[in-house]
Amino acid sequence: MKIHQITEAHVKEYDHHYGTLQVEFYIKDLRRSFRANFRVENREWNCFYIQPLAIAGEPMINSYGDPSGVIEYINKIRARISKQLLDQYVEIREDLDFYK
């Protein structure tokens, strides 16, 4: 079930110290880029937080300038967003499996 049109998804970086992997993607209808943070739990990748990015691509320190509640909204639906990312972008799923 698609809930938003996700485009331009790619693996940003893997942090071997924390065992987390960041995936950046753009949601067309929200007109915003996001960074999804994944970590391995029970031998599966779990998306534990999605952060909106500022126009220049850096993480936003706070929600100033964001539409009201976008951080809360996107994290409320992060399981669906995560599933859609992994279903739509096979190469991201393969990259995640590489780091397991």
C-alpha atoms as a PDB file:
ATOM      1  CA  MET A   1       0.000   0.000   0.000  1.00  0.00           C
ATOM      2  CA  LYS A   2       1.573   3.272  -1.112  1.00  0.00           C
ATOM      3  CA  ILE A   3       0.805   6.243   1.063  1.00  0.00           C
ATOM      4  CA  HIS A   4       3.238   8.773  -0.371  1.00  0.00           C
ATOM      5  CA  GLN A   5       5.293   8.964  -3.534  1.00  0.00           C
ATOM      6  CA  ILE A   6       8.897   8.288  -2.506  1.00  0.00           C
ATOM      7  CA  THR A   7      11.658   9.230  -4.939  1.00  0.00           C
ATOM      8  CA  GLU A   8      15.435   9.635  -4.956  1.00  0.00           C
ATOM      9  CA  ALA A   9      16.108   7.101  -2.211  1.00  0.00           C
ATOM     10  CA  HIS A  10      19.699   6.113  -1.491  1.00  0.00           C
ATOM     11  CA  VAL A  11      21.861   4.847   1.347  1.00  0.00           C
ATOM     12  CA  LYS A  12      23.672   7.806   2.882  1.00  0.00           C
ATOM     13  CA  GLU A  13      26.056   6.232   5.375  1.00  0.00           C
ATOM     14  CA  TYR A  14      26.658   3.311   7.699  1.00  0.00           C
ATOM     15  CA  ASP A  15      27.961   3.958  11.207  1.00  0.00           C
ATOM     16  CA  HIS A  16      29.725   0.781  12.327  1.00  0.00           C
ATOM     17  CA  HIS A  17      30.194   2.136  15.876  1.00  0.00           C
ATOM     18  CA  TYR A  18      26.448   2.346  16.471  1.00  0.00           C
ATOM     19  CA  GLY A  19      25.351  -0.232  13.911  1.00  0.00           C
ATOM     20  CA  THR A  20      23.026   2.265  12.249  1.00  0.00           C
ATOM     21  CA  LEU A  21      22.451   2.970   8.602  1.00  0.00           C
ATOM     22  CA  GLN A  22      20.936   6.142   7.171  1.00  0.00           C
ATOM     23  CA  VAL A  23      18.761   6.224   4.065  1.00  0.00           C
ATOM     24  CA  GLU A  24      17.870   9.561   2.480  1.00  0.00           C
ATOM     25  CA  PHE A  25      14.734   9.909   0.392  1.00  0.00           C
ATOM     26  CA  TYR A  26      12.331  12.506  -0.948  1.00  0.00           C
ATOM     27  CA  ILE A  27       8.549  12.437  -0.509  1.00  0.00           C
ATOM     28  CA  LYS A  28       7.080  14.216  -3.490  1.00  0.00           C
ATOM     29  CA  ASP A  29       3.688  15.196  -2.067  1.00  0.00           C
ATOM     30  CA  LEU A  30       5.246  16.543   1.165  1.00  0.00           C
ATOM     31  CA  ARG A  31       7.951  18.328  -0.884  1.00  0.00           C
ATOM     32  CA  ARG A  32      10.598  17.427   1.638  1.00  0.00           C
ATOM     33  CA  SER A  33      13.668  15.212   1.954  1.00  0.00           C
ATOM     34  CA  PHE A  34      14.009  12.895   4.921  1.00  0.00           C
ATOM     35  CA  ARG A  35      16.662  10.729   6.527  1.00  0.00           C
ATOM     36  CA  ALA A  36      15.531   7.354   7.870  1.00  0.00           C
ATOM     37  CA  ASN A  37      17.700   5.788  10.555  1.00  0.00           C
ATOM     38  CA  PHE A  38      17.817   1.987  10.654  1.00  0.00           C
ATOM     39  CA  ARG A  39      19.435  -0.438  13.103  1.00  0.00           C
ATOM     40  CA  VAL A  40      19.458  -4.221  13.389  1.00  0.00           C
ATOM     41  CA  GLU A  41      17.068  -5.682  15.940  1.00  0.00           C
ATOM     42  CA  ASN A  42      16.506  -9.440  16.107  1.00  0.00           C
ATOM     43  CA  ARG A  43      18.493  -9.907  12.877  1.00  0.00           C
ATOM     44  CA  GLU A  44      16.155  -7.540  10.997  1.00  0.00           C
ATOM     45  CA  TRP A  45      16.586  -3.891  10.072  1.00  0.00           C
ATOM     46  CA  ASN A  46      14.226  -1.644  11.978  1.00  0.00           C
ATOM     47  CA  CYS A  47      13.570   2.003  11.150  1.00  0.00           C
ATOM     48  CA  PHE A  48      13.672   3.740  14.532  1.00  0.00           C
ATOM     49  CA  TYR A  49      13.503   7.397  13.502  1.00  0.00           C
ATOM     50  CA  ILE A  50      12.832   9.550  10.437  1.00  0.00           C
ATOM     51  CA  GLN A  51      14.186  13.075  10.406  1.00  0.00           C
ATOM     52  CA  PRO A  52      13.181  15.831   7.968  1.00  0.00           C
ATOM     53  CA  LEU A  53      16.070  17.520   6.186  1.00  0.00           C
ATOM     54  CA  ALA A  54      16.483  21.215   5.522  1.00  0.00           C
ATOM     55  CA  ILE A  55      16.588  22.451   1.934  1.00  0.00           C
ATOM     56  CA  ALA A  56      20.397  22.154   1.814  1.00  0.00           C
ATOM     57  CA  GLY A  57      20.210  18.512   2.947  1.00  0.00           C
ATOM     58  CA  GLU A  58      21.470  18.882   6.508  1.00  0.00           C
ATOM     59  CA  PRO A  59      19.411  17.555   9.421  1.00  0.00           C
ATOM     60  CA  MET A  60      17.085  20.087  10.967  1.00  0.00           C
ATOM     61  CA  ILE A  61      17.879  20.963  14.563  1.00  0.00           C
ATOM     62  CA  ASN A  62      14.245  21.741  15.338  1.00  0.00           C
ATOM     63  CA  SER A  63      10.974  21.880  13.474  1.00  0.00           C
ATOM     64  CA  TYR A  64      11.150  25.632  12.783  1.00  0.00           C
ATOM     65  CA  GLY A  65       9.706  26.235   9.333  1.00  0.00           C
ATOM     66  CA  ASP A  66       8.226  22.757   9.061  1.00  0.00           C
ATOM     67  CA  PRO A  67       4.539  22.273   8.445  1.00  0.00           C
ATOM     68  CA  SER A  68       2.855  21.737  11.771  1.00  0.00           C
ATOM     69  CA  GLY A  69       3.455  18.260  13.136  1.00  0.00           C
ATOM     70  CA  VAL A  70       5.487  16.849  10.206  1.00  0.00           C
ATOM     71  CA  ILE A  71       8.043  15.205  12.515  1.00  0.00           C
ATOM     72  CA  GLU A  72       5.347  13.555  14.620  1.00  0.00           C
ATOM     73  CA  TYR A  73       3.368  12.557  11.522  1.00  0.00           C
ATOM     74  CA  ILE A  74       6.263  11.014   9.611  1.00  0.00           C
ATOM     75  CA  ASN A  75       7.411   9.020  12.627  1.00  0.00           C
ATOM     76  CA  LYS A  76       3.873   7.818  13.294  1.00  0.00           C
ATOM     77  CA  ILE A  77       3.822   6.240   9.825  1.00  0.00           C
ATOM     78  CA  ARG A  78       7.515   5.250   9.732  1.00  0.00           C
ATOM     79  CA  ALA A  79       6.747   1.508   9.618  1.00  0.00           C
ATOM     80  CA  ARG A  80       4.762   2.029   6.413  1.00  0.00           C
ATOM     81  CA  ILE A  81       7.393   4.375   4.980  1.00  0.00           C
ATOM     82  CA  SER A  82      10.126   1.861   5.837  1.00  0.00           C
ATOM     83  CA  LYS A  83       8.229  -1.005   4.188  1.00  0.00           C
ATOM     84  CA  GLN A  84       7.582   1.093   1.103  1.00  0.00           C
ATOM     85  CA  LEU A  85      11.263   2.076   0.868  1.00  0.00           C
ATOM     86  CA  LEU A  86      12.417  -1.537   1.099  1.00  0.00           C
ATOM     87  CA  ASP A  87       9.769  -2.795  -1.340  1.00  0.00           C
ATOM     88  CA  GLN A  88      10.293  -0.025  -3.883  1.00  0.00           C
ATOM     89  CA  TYR A  89      14.105   0.140  -3.789  1.00  0.00           C
ATOM     90  CA  VAL A  90      15.635  -3.340  -4.009  1.00  0.00           C
ATOM     91  CA  GLU A  91      19.167  -1.892  -3.975  1.00  0.00           C
ATOM     92  CA  ILE A  92      18.550  -0.323  -0.553  1.00  0.00           C
ATOM     93  CA  ARG A  93      17.328  -3.647   0.829  1.00  0.00           C
ATOM     94  CA  GLU A  94      20.454  -5.296  -0.608  1.00  0.00           C
ATOM     95  CA  ASP A  95      22.680  -2.642   0.993  1.00  0.00           C
ATOM     96  CA  LEU A  96      20.940  -3.167   4.326  1.00  0.00           C
ATOM     97  CA  ASP A  97      21.437  -6.935   4.060  1.00  0.00           C
ATOM     98  CA  PHE A  98      25.142  -6.369   3.320  1.00  0.00           C
ATOM     99  CA  TYR A  99      25.598  -4.601   6.670  1.00  0.00           C
ATOM    100  CA  LYS A 100      23.621  -7.102   8.783  1.00  0.00           C
END
